[in-house]
Amino acid sequence: MKQLFSILFFCISICTYATHIVGGELNYYPLNNNKYRITLKLYIDCYNGQAGAIAQDLYANISVYGKDSNQLLPNLCFAVKRGAPVRVSKTNYNCILLAPNACVDAYYYDTVVSLPYRTQGYILSFQRCCQDRKSTRLNSSHAN
């Protein structure tokens, strides 16, 4: 089956107040009859992230755009409620050096949506400020 989506994950890294997101992944999996499982995983700084900012992320708003026009398709957008956090105890990324006292929780947002067949395809997008600069520093000696 031809891929119908392009995934766009964009997180604004400059924010004055809330600094809680350290990364994320947005994926889709085709099922059948124009149904797709959409999974968003957000990584949250559980030491430096503000509790109020983390609480605001109970729902993730996923926007859907036409791939051909880059125009928002508001009737296809949806909100997904998150599950309980899972503490990340180990990473497998050689190029990232976590601070010694880093604490990261993964929040999972998972849903099945029905999107009408579209030859031009879709772009799925999740946007949210604020990336935590304390937990995402790259160690240049480990960068590939």
Protein backbone atom coordinates (compact mmCIF):
# COMPACT_ATOMS: atom_id res chain seq x y z
CA MET A 1 0.00 0.00 0.00
CA LYS A 2 1.30 3.40 -0.93
CA GLN A 3 2.13 5.60 2.01
CA LEU A 4 -0.48 8.30 2.40
CA PHE A 5 1.13 10.35 5.12
CA SER A 6 4.14 12.43 5.81
CA ILE A 7 4.86 12.80 9.49
CA LEU A 8 5.71 16.20 10.80
CA PHE A 9 6.81 16.58 14.38
CA PHE A 10 7.76 20.06 15.38
CA CYS A 11 8.53 21.24 18.85
CA ILE A 12 9.40 24.87 19.53
CA SER A 13 12.58 24.99 21.58
CA ILE A 14 12.43 28.58 22.81
CA CYS A 15 9.96 29.21 25.60
CA THR A 16 10.17 31.44 28.61
CA TYR A 17 8.12 29.58 31.19
CA ALA A 18 7.38 25.92 30.57
CA THR A 19 10.35 23.72 29.80
CA HIS A 20 9.29 20.12 30.01
CA ILE A 21 9.50 18.33 26.65
CA VAL A 22 12.81 16.65 25.82
CA GLY A 23 11.68 14.91 22.61
CA GLY A 24 9.02 12.82 20.97
CA GLU A 25 7.89 10.53 18.17
CA LEU A 26 4.75 10.58 16.03
CA ASN A 27 3.95 7.41 14.07
CA TYR A 28 1.09 5.91 12.13
CA TYR A 29 0.24 2.33 11.24
CA PRO A 30 -2.23 1.46 8.47
CA LEU A 31 -4.95 -0.98 9.57
CA ASN A 32 -7.78 -1.52 7.09
CA ASN A 33 -10.77 0.35 5.59
CA ASN A 34 -8.97 3.73 5.77
CA LYS A 35 -8.29 3.27 9.51
CA TYR A 36 -4.93 4.11 11.04
CA ARG A 37 -3.42 3.70 14.48
CA ILE A 38 -1.78 6.99 15.47
CA THR A 39 0.82 6.87 18.25
CA LEU A 40 2.52 9.86 19.82
CA LYS A 41 5.23 9.41 22.43
CA LEU A 42 6.36 12.50 24.36
CA TYR A 43 9.45 12.47 26.54
CA ILE A 44 9.04 14.76 29.55
CA ASP A 45 11.66 16.05 32.00
CA CYS A 46 10.33 14.90 35.38
CA TYR A 47 12.89 16.91 37.41
CA ASN A 48 12.89 20.30 35.68
CA GLY A 49 9.51 20.25 33.93
CA GLN A 50 6.83 22.42 35.48
CA ALA A 51 3.92 20.38 36.85
CA GLY A 52 1.39 22.84 35.40
CA ALA A 53 2.87 22.53 31.92
CA ILE A 54 2.94 18.73 32.16
CA ALA A 55 -0.71 18.71 33.32
CA GLN A 56 -1.70 20.76 30.25
CA ASP A 57 -0.56 17.87 28.05
CA LEU A 58 -3.32 15.51 29.16
CA TYR A 59 -4.55 15.68 25.55
CA ALA A 60 -2.43 15.98 22.42
CA ASN A 61 -4.03 17.81 19.52
CA ILE A 62 -3.10 16.18 16.23
CA SER A 63 -3.61 18.36 13.17
CA VAL A 64 -4.20 16.97 9.69
CA TYR A 65 -3.10 18.82 6.54
CA GLY A 66 -3.47 18.05 2.86
CA LYS A 67 -0.07 16.95 1.58
CA ASP A 68 -0.63 18.62 -1.79
CA SER A 69 -1.79 22.00 -0.45
CA ASN A 70 -0.35 22.15 3.10
CA GLN A 71 -3.80 23.40 4.09
CA LEU A 72 -5.29 22.44 7.45
CA LEU A 73 -8.22 20.00 7.22
CA PRO A 74 -10.00 20.99 10.46
CA ASN A 75 -12.76 18.37 10.15
CA LEU A 76 -10.09 15.64 10.33
CA CYS A 77 -8.13 16.95 13.36
CA PHE A 78 -8.45 15.11 16.67
CA ALA A 79 -7.40 15.13 20.32
CA VAL A 80 -5.87 12.07 21.99
CA LYS A 81 -5.77 11.45 25.74
CA ARG A 82 -2.51 10.18 27.20
CA GLY A 83 -1.88 7.19 29.37
CA ALA A 84 0.12 7.07 32.60
CA PRO A 85 3.82 7.95 32.36
CA VAL A 86 6.49 5.31 32.03
CA ARG A 87 9.89 6.15 33.55
CA VAL A 88 12.73 5.93 31.01
CA SER A 89 15.59 4.17 32.77
CA LYS A 90 17.96 3.58 29.88
CA THR A 91 18.65 5.14 26.48
CA ASN A 92 20.24 3.56 23.45
CA TYR A 93 21.32 6.77 21.71
CA ASN A 94 25.11 6.98 21.69
CA CYS A 95 25.14 10.65 20.64
CA ILE A 96 23.11 11.92 23.62
CA LEU A 97 24.62 12.39 27.02
CA LEU A 98 22.01 12.81 29.74
CA ALA A 99 22.87 14.95 32.72
CA PRO A 100 23.76 12.83 35.79
CA ASN A 101 20.52 13.73 37.57
CA ALA A 102 18.25 13.51 34.54
CA CYS A 103 14.78 12.09 34.89
CA VAL A 104 12.64 11.37 31.82
CA ASP A 105 9.08 10.04 31.63
CA ALA A 106 7.50 8.79 28.40
CA TYR A 107 3.83 9.62 27.88
CA TYR A 108 1.94 7.60 25.25
CA TYR A 109 -0.98 8.90 23.22
CA ASP A 110 -2.64 6.19 21.14
CA THR A 111 -5.79 6.19 19.01
CA VAL A 112 -7.36 4.70 15.89
CA VAL A 113 -8.75 7.18 13.36
CA SER A 114 -10.57 6.87 10.08
CA LEU A 115 -9.28 9.09 7.28
CA PRO A 116 -10.92 9.13 3.86
CA TYR A 117 -8.76 7.86 1.03
CA ARG A 118 -6.91 10.72 -0.58
CA THR A 119 -4.55 10.27 -3.54
CA GLN A 120 -2.61 13.39 -2.53
CA GLY A 121 -2.00 12.08 1.00
CA TYR A 122 -1.90 13.76 4.39
CA ILE A 123 0.52 15.41 6.76
CA LEU A 124 0.02 14.71 10.47
CA SER A 125 1.36 17.31 12.85
CA PHE A 126 1.78 17.78 16.58
CA GLN A 127 3.11 21.09 17.86
CA ARG A 128 3.78 22.10 21.42
CA CYS A 129 6.21 24.39 23.09
CA CYS A 130 8.58 23.96 25.16
CA GLN A 131 11.70 21.85 24.85
CA ASP A 132 13.82 21.46 27.94
CA ARG A 133 17.36 22.68 27.30
CA LYS A 134 18.78 21.15 30.49
CA SER A 135 18.05 17.53 29.54
CA THR A 136 18.75 17.65 25.80
CA ARG A 137 22.31 18.90 25.56
CA LEU A 138 24.38 16.98 23.07
CA ASN A 139 27.90 16.02 23.94
CA SER A 140 29.88 17.02 20.85
CA SER A 141 32.50 14.33 21.46
CA HIS A 142 29.79 11.68 21.04
CA ALA A 143 28.03 13.23 18.03
CA ASN A 144 28.13 11.21 14.82
